[in-house]
């Protein structure tokens, strides 16, 4: 049920965003995509829609205890838990666990890993901001089980 709710929310957000961006372009009468005029009633101050060509969004299922290797992203990554519980760690920091509806951001070039907790599967949504992913060594059982 949660999966359906999140999927409906994502589709709705995409549809509203597409409509909103399209009407913003029509409202302004300007050639710059998403540029806002001073009299746009939806905003206070200047707000400009930015290009999303470098964004990537994906869903991944992890079986209980499954996890990524250590890695980093040139421009960072946003992780959201759709279902289950996630265990994640940034190099040099404590392991963190988050549940459905929660998120975690990792900044550019920060080595980290993420995956399911030992006794529960995970469905994550990840948003990448462009650039490369650098893969490193696998997370050992000792690293994974450290709390």
C-alpha atoms as a PDB file:
ATOM      1  CA  UNK A   1       0.000   0.000   0.000  1.00  0.00           C
ATOM      2  CA  UNK A   2       2.842   2.381   0.862  1.00  0.00           C
ATOM      3  CA  UNK A   3       4.503   1.581  -2.483  1.00  0.00           C
ATOM      4  CA  UNK A   4       1.332   2.503  -4.346  1.00  0.00           C
ATOM      5  CA  UNK A   5       0.955   5.712  -2.325  1.00  0.00           C
ATOM      6  CA  UNK A   6       4.551   6.757  -3.044  1.00  0.00           C
ATOM      7  CA  UNK A   7       4.198   5.864  -6.734  1.00  0.00           C
ATOM      8  CA  UNK A   8       0.956   7.851  -6.986  1.00  0.00           C
ATOM      9  CA  UNK A   9       2.641  10.758  -5.196  1.00  0.00           C
ATOM     10  CA  UNK A  10       5.623  10.683  -7.594  1.00  0.00           C
ATOM     11  CA  UNK A  11       3.396  10.510 -10.693  1.00  0.00           C
ATOM     12  CA  UNK A  12       1.228  13.321  -9.336  1.00  0.00           C
ATOM     13  CA  UNK A  13       4.299  15.431  -8.522  1.00  0.00           C
ATOM     14  CA  UNK A  14       5.663  14.857 -12.035  1.00  0.00           C
ATOM     15  CA  UNK A  15       2.327  15.763 -13.645  1.00  0.00           C
ATOM     16  CA  UNK A  16       1.897  18.881 -11.499  1.00  0.00           C
ATOM     17  CA  UNK A  17       5.504  19.927 -12.159  1.00  0.00           C
ATOM     18  CA  UNK A  18       5.105  19.492 -15.915  1.00  0.00           C
ATOM     19  CA  UNK A  19       1.866  21.490 -15.881  1.00  0.00           C
ATOM     20  CA  UNK A  20       3.349  24.121 -13.579  1.00  0.00           C
ATOM     21  CA  UNK A  21       6.477  24.563 -15.732  1.00  0.00           C
ATOM     22  CA  UNK A  22       4.410  24.651 -18.911  1.00  0.00           C
ATOM     23  CA  UNK A  23       2.040  27.280 -17.538  1.00  0.00           C
ATOM     24  CA  UNK A  24       4.967  29.290 -16.179  1.00  0.00           C
ATOM     25  CA  UNK A  25       6.455  29.403 -19.654  1.00  0.00           C
ATOM     26  CA  UNK A  26       3.110  30.467 -21.130  1.00  0.00           C
ATOM     27  CA  UNK A  27       2.426  33.019 -18.359  1.00  0.00           C
ATOM     28  CA  UNK A  28       5.718  34.833 -18.761  1.00  0.00           C
ATOM     29  CA  UNK A  29       5.663  35.148 -22.534  1.00  0.00           C
ATOM     30  CA  UNK A  30       9.461  35.074 -22.350  1.00  0.00           C
ATOM     31  CA  UNK A  31      11.729  32.774 -24.344  1.00  0.00           C
ATOM     32  CA  UNK A  32      13.783  31.648 -21.332  1.00  0.00           C
ATOM     33  CA  UNK A  33      12.239  28.378 -20.083  1.00  0.00           C
ATOM     34  CA  UNK A  34      10.716  28.859 -16.657  1.00  0.00           C
ATOM     35  CA  UNK A  35      11.643  32.542 -16.339  1.00  0.00           C
ATOM     36  CA  UNK A  36       9.204  34.371 -14.058  1.00  0.00           C
ATOM     37  CA  UNK A  37       7.943  37.911 -14.384  1.00  0.00           C
ATOM     38  CA  UNK A  38       7.656  40.283 -11.439  1.00  0.00           C
ATOM     39  CA  UNK A  39       3.842  40.021 -11.540  1.00  0.00           C
ATOM     40  CA  UNK A  40       3.621  36.206 -11.338  1.00  0.00           C
ATOM     41  CA  UNK A  41       1.066  35.567  -8.550  1.00  0.00           C
ATOM     42  CA  UNK A  42       2.579  32.197  -7.596  1.00  0.00           C
ATOM     43  CA  UNK A  43       5.857  33.622  -6.273  1.00  0.00           C
ATOM     44  CA  UNK A  44       7.238  36.464  -4.223  1.00  0.00           C
ATOM     45  CA  UNK A  45      10.508  37.625  -5.746  1.00  0.00           C
ATOM     46  CA  UNK A  46      12.207  36.102  -8.763  1.00  0.00           C
ATOM     47  CA  UNK A  47      12.051  32.314  -9.173  1.00  0.00           C
ATOM     48  CA  UNK A  48      13.433  30.507 -12.205  1.00  0.00           C
ATOM     49  CA  UNK A  49      12.874  26.861 -13.133  1.00  0.00           C
ATOM     50  CA  UNK A  50      16.243  25.171 -13.562  1.00  0.00           C
ATOM     51  CA  UNK A  51      17.133  22.549 -16.158  1.00  0.00           C
ATOM     52  CA  UNK A  52      16.948  19.000 -14.792  1.00  0.00           C
ATOM     53  CA  UNK A  53      18.952  17.228 -17.510  1.00  0.00           C
ATOM     54  CA  UNK A  54      21.675  16.034 -15.077  1.00  0.00           C
ATOM     55  CA  UNK A  55      19.209  14.567 -12.580  1.00  0.00           C
ATOM     56  CA  UNK A  56      18.685  10.816 -12.397  1.00  0.00           C
ATOM     57  CA  UNK A  57      16.035   9.019 -10.372  1.00  0.00           C
ATOM     58  CA  UNK A  58      15.839   5.278  -9.760  1.00  0.00           C
ATOM     59  CA  UNK A  59      14.268   2.725  -7.438  1.00  0.00           C
ATOM     60  CA  UNK A  60      16.225  -0.233  -6.078  1.00  0.00           C
ATOM     61  CA  UNK A  61      15.136  -3.233  -4.037  1.00  0.00           C
ATOM     62  CA  UNK A  62      17.534  -4.713  -1.459  1.00  0.00           C
ATOM     63  CA  UNK A  63      16.962  -8.072   0.221  1.00  0.00           C
ATOM     64  CA  UNK A  64      17.541  -8.061   4.016  1.00  0.00           C
ATOM     65  CA  UNK A  65      21.247  -7.443   4.671  1.00  0.00           C
ATOM     66  CA  UNK A  66      22.044  -6.534   1.044  1.00  0.00           C
ATOM     67  CA  UNK A  67      24.100  -3.377   0.588  1.00  0.00           C
ATOM     68  CA  UNK A  68      26.178  -1.355  -1.828  1.00  0.00           C
ATOM     69  CA  UNK A  69      29.948  -1.130  -1.809  1.00  0.00           C
ATOM     70  CA  UNK A  70      31.593   2.075  -0.594  1.00  0.00           C
ATOM     71  CA  UNK A  71      31.187   4.729  -3.287  1.00  0.00           C
ATOM     72  CA  UNK A  72      30.915   8.473  -3.886  1.00  0.00           C
ATOM     73  CA  UNK A  73      29.091  10.725  -6.328  1.00  0.00           C
ATOM     74  CA  UNK A  74      30.650  13.764  -8.000  1.00  0.00           C
ATOM     75  CA  UNK A  75      27.614  15.911  -7.209  1.00  0.00           C
ATOM     76  CA  UNK A  76      26.023  14.107  -4.273  1.00  0.00           C
ATOM     77  CA  UNK A  77      23.031  11.813  -3.840  1.00  0.00           C
ATOM     78  CA  UNK A  78      19.658  11.945  -2.125  1.00  0.00           C
ATOM     79  CA  UNK A  79      18.241   8.648  -0.810  1.00  0.00           C
ATOM     80  CA  UNK A  80      14.616   8.141   0.218  1.00  0.00           C
ATOM     81  CA  UNK A  81      13.136   5.047   1.834  1.00  0.00           C
ATOM     82  CA  UNK A  82       9.941   3.970   0.130  1.00  0.00           C
ATOM     83  CA  UNK A  83       9.507   0.712   2.032  1.00  0.00           C
ATOM     84  CA  UNK A  84      11.410  -1.057   4.807  1.00  0.00           C
ATOM     85  CA  UNK A  85      14.467   0.250   6.654  1.00  0.00           C
ATOM     86  CA  UNK A  86      17.793   1.503   5.340  1.00  0.00           C
ATOM     87  CA  UNK A  87      21.183   1.343   6.960  1.00  0.00           C
ATOM     88  CA  UNK A  88      23.667   3.922   5.639  1.00  0.00           C
ATOM     89  CA  UNK A  89      27.048   5.291   6.620  1.00  0.00           C
ATOM     90  CA  UNK A  90      29.322   8.068   5.491  1.00  0.00           C
ATOM     91  CA  UNK A  91      33.026   7.234   5.888  1.00  0.00           C
ATOM     92  CA  UNK A  92      34.226   8.234   9.374  1.00  0.00           C
ATOM     93  CA  UNK A  93      30.708   8.614  10.784  1.00  0.00           C
ATOM     94  CA  UNK A  94      28.351   6.332  12.692  1.00  0.00           C
ATOM     95  CA  UNK A  95      25.905   4.037  10.924  1.00  0.00           C
ATOM     96  CA  UNK A  96      22.468   5.586  10.581  1.00  0.00           C
ATOM     97  CA  UNK A  97      19.134   3.778  10.135  1.00  0.00           C
ATOM     98  CA  UNK A  98      16.129   5.419   8.497  1.00  0.00           C
ATOM     99  CA  UNK A  99      12.625   4.177   7.719  1.00  0.00           C
ATOM    100  CA  UNK A 100       9.809   4.649   5.245  1.00  0.00           C
ATOM    101  CA  UNK A 101       9.230   8.293   4.374  1.00  0.00           C
ATOM    102  CA  UNK A 102      12.659   9.401   5.615  1.00  0.00           C
ATOM    103  CA  UNK A 103      15.616  10.566   3.545  1.00  0.00           C
ATOM    104  CA  UNK A 104      19.359  11.047   3.728  1.00  0.00           C
ATOM    105  CA  UNK A 105      21.590  13.347   1.671  1.00  0.00           C
ATOM    106  CA  UNK A 106      25.257  12.661   0.967  1.00  0.00           C
ATOM    107  CA  UNK A 107      27.293  15.571  -0.363  1.00  0.00           C
ATOM    108  CA  UNK A 108      29.642  15.564  -3.357  1.00  0.00           C
ATOM    109  CA  UNK A 109      32.614  13.176  -3.228  1.00  0.00           C
ATOM    110  CA  UNK A 110      31.709  11.772   0.217  1.00  0.00           C
ATOM    111  CA  UNK A 111      32.411   8.020   0.441  1.00  0.00           C
ATOM    112  CA  UNK A 112      29.352   6.172   1.736  1.00  0.00           C
ATOM    113  CA  UNK A 113      27.316   2.976   1.456  1.00  0.00           C
ATOM    114  CA  UNK A 114      23.654   2.073   1.906  1.00  0.00           C
ATOM    115  CA  UNK A 115      21.429  -0.975   1.976  1.00  0.00           C
ATOM    116  CA  UNK A 116      18.781  -2.896   3.870  1.00  0.00           C
ATOM    117  CA  UNK A 117      18.903  -3.602   7.601  1.00  0.00           C
ATOM    118  CA  UNK A 118      19.618  -7.254   8.521  1.00  0.00           C
ATOM    119  CA  UNK A 119      16.040  -8.458   9.034  1.00  0.00           C
ATOM    120  CA  UNK A 120      14.022  -6.403   6.561  1.00  0.00           C
ATOM    121  CA  UNK A 121      13.951  -5.737   2.823  1.00  0.00           C
ATOM    122  CA  UNK A 122      14.307  -2.186   1.484  1.00  0.00           C
ATOM    123  CA  UNK A 123      12.964  -0.242  -1.464  1.00  0.00           C
ATOM    124  CA  UNK A 124      14.916   2.977  -1.928  1.00  0.00           C
ATOM    125  CA  UNK A 125      14.539   5.873  -4.306  1.00  0.00           C
ATOM    126  CA  UNK A 126      17.804   7.534  -5.220  1.00  0.00           C
ATOM    127  CA  UNK A 127      18.268  10.908  -6.866  1.00  0.00           C
ATOM    128  CA  UNK A 128      21.620  11.668  -8.460  1.00  0.00           C
ATOM    129  CA  UNK A 129      22.717  15.161  -9.405  1.00  0.00           C
ATOM    130  CA  UNK A 130      25.005  14.279 -12.313  1.00  0.00           C
ATOM    131  CA  UNK A 131      28.663  13.442 -12.652  1.00  0.00           C
ATOM    132  CA  UNK A 132      30.277  10.083 -12.050  1.00  0.00           C
ATOM    133  CA  UNK A 133      29.939   7.464  -9.334  1.00  0.00           C
ATOM    134  CA  UNK A 134      33.276   6.210  -8.014  1.00  0.00           C
ATOM    135  CA  UNK A 135      33.080   2.624  -6.702  1.00  0.00           C
ATOM    136  CA  UNK A 136      35.430   1.469  -3.950  1.00  0.00           C
ATOM    137  CA  UNK A 137      35.839  -1.606  -1.729  1.00  0.00           C
ATOM    138  CA  UNK A 138      32.936  -3.747  -0.536  1.00  0.00           C
ATOM    139  CA  UNK A 139      31.472  -3.082   2.894  1.00  0.00           C
ATOM    140  CA  UNK A 140      32.650  -5.895   5.170  1.00  0.00           C
ATOM    141  CA  UNK A 141      30.334  -7.755   7.529  1.00  0.00           C
ATOM    142  CA  UNK A 142      32.221  -6.168  10.432  1.00  0.00           C
ATOM    143  CA  UNK A 143      31.594  -2.641   9.041  1.00  0.00           C
ATOM    144  CA  UNK A 144      27.955  -3.436   8.288  1.00  0.00           C
ATOM    145  CA  UNK A 145      27.260  -4.874  11.754  1.00  0.00           C
ATOM    146  CA  UNK A 146      29.006  -2.065  13.687  1.00  0.00           C
ATOM    147  CA  UNK A 147      26.431   0.117  15.427  1.00  0.00           C
END
